[in-house]
Amino acid sequence: QFCFYTPHVHYSAAATIITSQQGLSRRAAKKLTGQSFSQIKMVYKGSISYRNDDVNYVRITPNVEAKISRLDRAFAQIAFVDNNDQPVPVPAHISVVFQNDQSPAARLGNIFLISWVENYMVLFNGVELFRLENQKQQAIGGGADLETRIVQA
């Protein structure tokens, strides 16, 4: 399961400009939007599961959304759709990269492949629009007599 974070959304002329805390300086935000931001924060916006067929959408522009859907228990895809949920080409200057080294994620035609084991960033001209972060946690399961405890670090 992924958590995904999107920054505050700012509407600008013809496009939705999204800014985030990491990967985007105030100067970069101003360059993209023409506005200054005193503080740019990442906001938790939900999660993507590899265990169900729920589909998640993230607004990219007023007419285009990123559509994130499960392919199987290990892989999902990021595709782009219009307001009628019809596929559209990957918008110009959009890329999906691994968060740790910003190398490109696999792209097949108009979709990007993602896996639950990695963290990703979706970029516009190298500026982070949103991220997908693996929650890196395990659920503890066992019989009714299983005893557990937590020691806060």
Protein backbone atom coordinates (compact mmCIF):
# COMPACT_ATOMS: atom_id res chain seq x y z
CA GLN A 1 0.00 0.00 0.00
CA PHE A 2 1.22 3.49 -0.90
CA CYS A 3 0.54 6.78 0.79
CA PHE A 4 0.36 9.59 -1.64
CA TYR A 5 0.99 13.18 -0.82
CA THR A 6 0.04 16.20 -2.80
CA PRO A 7 0.99 19.72 -1.99
CA HIS A 8 -1.30 22.70 -1.75
CA VAL A 9 -2.98 23.39 -5.08
CA HIS A 10 -2.82 26.81 -6.68
CA TYR A 11 -4.87 27.72 -9.76
CA SER A 12 -2.98 29.74 -12.32
CA ALA A 13 -4.29 30.99 -15.66
CA ALA A 14 -4.79 27.76 -17.62
CA ALA A 15 -3.25 25.13 -15.38
CA THR A 16 -3.25 23.78 -11.86
CA ILE A 17 0.19 24.37 -10.43
CA ILE A 18 1.16 22.15 -7.57
CA THR A 19 4.04 22.86 -5.24
CA SER A 20 5.61 20.72 -2.55
CA GLN A 21 7.92 20.98 0.43
CA GLN A 22 10.74 18.81 -0.91
CA GLY A 23 12.02 19.05 -4.46
CA LEU A 24 10.64 22.53 -4.98
CA SER A 25 12.22 25.68 -3.65
CA ARG A 26 10.29 28.89 -3.15
CA ARG A 27 12.15 30.28 -6.15
CA ALA A 28 11.03 27.32 -8.30
CA ALA A 29 7.44 27.75 -7.07
CA LYS A 30 7.55 31.43 -7.95
CA LYS A 31 9.02 30.64 -11.36
CA LEU A 32 6.20 28.18 -12.10
CA THR A 33 3.32 30.20 -10.71
CA GLY A 34 4.48 33.80 -10.58
CA GLN A 35 3.62 33.72 -6.88
CA SER A 36 5.73 33.63 -3.73
CA PHE A 37 5.03 31.08 -1.03
CA SER A 38 6.19 31.63 2.52
CA GLN A 39 5.77 27.97 3.35
CA ILE A 40 5.15 24.99 1.09
CA LYS A 41 3.86 21.86 2.85
CA MET A 42 3.22 18.31 1.72
CA VAL A 43 -0.28 17.15 2.62
CA TYR A 44 -1.37 13.52 2.98
CA LYS A 45 -4.15 12.86 0.45
CA GLY A 46 -4.90 9.15 0.69
CA SER A 47 -3.45 5.78 -0.18
CA ILE A 48 -3.26 3.35 -3.06
CA SER A 49 -3.70 -0.35 -2.37
CA TYR A 50 -2.32 -3.28 -4.34
CA ARG A 51 -4.99 -5.45 -2.69
CA ASN A 52 -8.14 -3.95 -4.24
CA ASP A 53 -9.25 -2.46 -7.52
CA ASP A 54 -9.96 1.08 -6.30
CA VAL A 55 -8.73 3.70 -8.76
CA ASN A 56 -7.13 6.95 -7.57
CA TYR A 57 -7.04 10.21 -9.52
CA VAL A 58 -4.76 13.21 -9.06
CA ARG A 59 -5.62 16.45 -10.88
CA ILE A 60 -2.73 17.63 -13.09
CA THR A 61 -4.46 20.41 -15.09
CA PRO A 62 -8.11 21.49 -15.31
CA ASN A 63 -8.55 18.93 -18.12
CA VAL A 64 -6.13 16.11 -17.22
CA GLU A 65 -5.80 13.75 -14.26
CA ALA A 66 -3.24 11.10 -13.39
CA LYS A 67 -5.15 7.81 -13.02
CA ILE A 68 -3.44 5.34 -10.69
CA SER A 69 -4.74 1.78 -10.85
CA ARG A 70 -3.61 -1.66 -9.75
CA LEU A 71 -2.42 -4.16 -12.38
CA ASP A 72 -1.74 -7.06 -9.99
CA ARG A 73 -0.51 -7.59 -6.43
CA ALA A 74 2.94 -6.17 -7.25
CA PHE A 75 2.41 -3.51 -9.92
CA ALA A 76 0.21 -0.53 -10.67
CA GLN A 77 0.11 1.99 -13.49
CA ILE A 78 -0.07 5.74 -13.80
CA ALA A 79 -2.04 6.73 -16.89
CA PHE A 80 -3.47 10.10 -17.87
CA VAL A 81 -7.11 10.76 -18.67
CA ASP A 82 -9.37 13.65 -19.62
CA ASN A 83 -12.44 14.78 -17.69
CA ASN A 84 -14.45 11.95 -19.31
CA ASP A 85 -11.95 9.32 -18.08
CA GLN A 86 -10.69 8.83 -21.64
CA PRO A 87 -6.96 8.12 -22.10
CA VAL A 88 -4.76 11.00 -23.24
CA PRO A 89 -1.03 11.11 -24.00
CA VAL A 90 1.37 11.78 -21.15
CA PRO A 91 1.31 15.57 -20.77
CA ALA A 92 4.38 17.38 -22.06
CA HIS A 93 7.16 17.74 -19.49
CA ILE A 94 5.66 15.13 -17.10
CA SER A 95 7.96 12.41 -15.80
CA VAL A 96 7.80 9.75 -13.11
CA VAL A 97 11.04 9.04 -11.25
CA PHE A 98 12.29 6.98 -8.33
CA GLN A 99 12.42 9.21 -5.26
CA ASN A 100 15.85 8.05 -4.04
CA ASP A 101 17.90 8.90 -7.15
CA GLN A 102 15.42 10.50 -9.56
CA SER A 103 16.13 7.91 -12.26
CA PRO A 104 13.17 7.36 -14.63
CA ALA A 105 10.45 4.84 -13.83
CA ALA A 106 9.47 2.36 -16.55
CA ARG A 107 7.27 3.90 -19.24
CA LEU A 108 5.28 1.85 -21.74
CA GLY A 109 3.60 4.10 -24.28
CA ASN A 110 1.31 6.39 -22.34
CA ILE A 111 1.60 4.70 -18.94
CA PHE A 112 4.22 4.51 -16.22
CA LEU A 113 4.66 1.25 -14.29
CA ILE A 114 5.11 1.46 -10.53
CA SER A 115 5.72 -1.14 -7.82
CA TRP A 116 4.85 -1.17 -4.14
CA VAL A 117 8.49 -1.61 -3.13
CA GLU A 118 9.65 1.78 -4.42
CA ASN A 119 8.91 5.46 -3.73
CA TYR A 120 8.10 7.70 -6.70
CA MET A 121 7.77 11.36 -7.60
CA VAL A 122 5.70 12.74 -10.46
CA LEU A 123 7.50 15.75 -11.90
CA PHE A 124 6.60 18.63 -14.22
CA ASN A 125 9.73 20.12 -15.80
CA GLY A 126 11.74 18.53 -12.99
CA VAL A 127 9.53 20.05 -10.26
CA GLU A 128 7.63 17.69 -7.97
CA LEU A 129 3.85 17.63 -8.44
CA PHE A 130 3.14 14.77 -6.06
CA ARG A 131 4.76 11.67 -4.62
CA LEU A 132 3.89 8.07 -3.89
CA GLU A 133 5.60 6.72 -0.79
CA ASN A 134 5.67 3.11 0.31
CA GLN A 135 4.44 2.94 3.89
CA LYS A 136 7.15 0.41 4.78
CA GLN A 137 5.19 -1.32 7.49
CA GLN A 138 3.95 -4.80 8.26
CA ALA A 139 0.78 -5.90 10.04
CA ILE A 140 1.30 -8.39 12.86
CA GLY A 141 -1.15 -11.27 12.66
CA GLY A 142 -1.60 -14.34 14.82
CA GLY A 143 -3.95 -16.36 16.93
CA ALA A 144 -6.20 -14.92 19.62
CA ASP A 145 -3.62 -15.87 22.27
CA LEU A 146 -0.75 -13.99 20.58
CA GLU A 147 0.64 -11.31 22.89
CA THR A 148 2.25 -8.17 21.49
CA ARG A 149 3.60 -4.94 22.88
CA ILE A 150 5.21 -1.76 21.60
CA VAL A 151 8.16 0.11 23.08
CA GLN A 152 8.21 3.69 21.86
CA ALA A 153 11.63 4.65 20.49
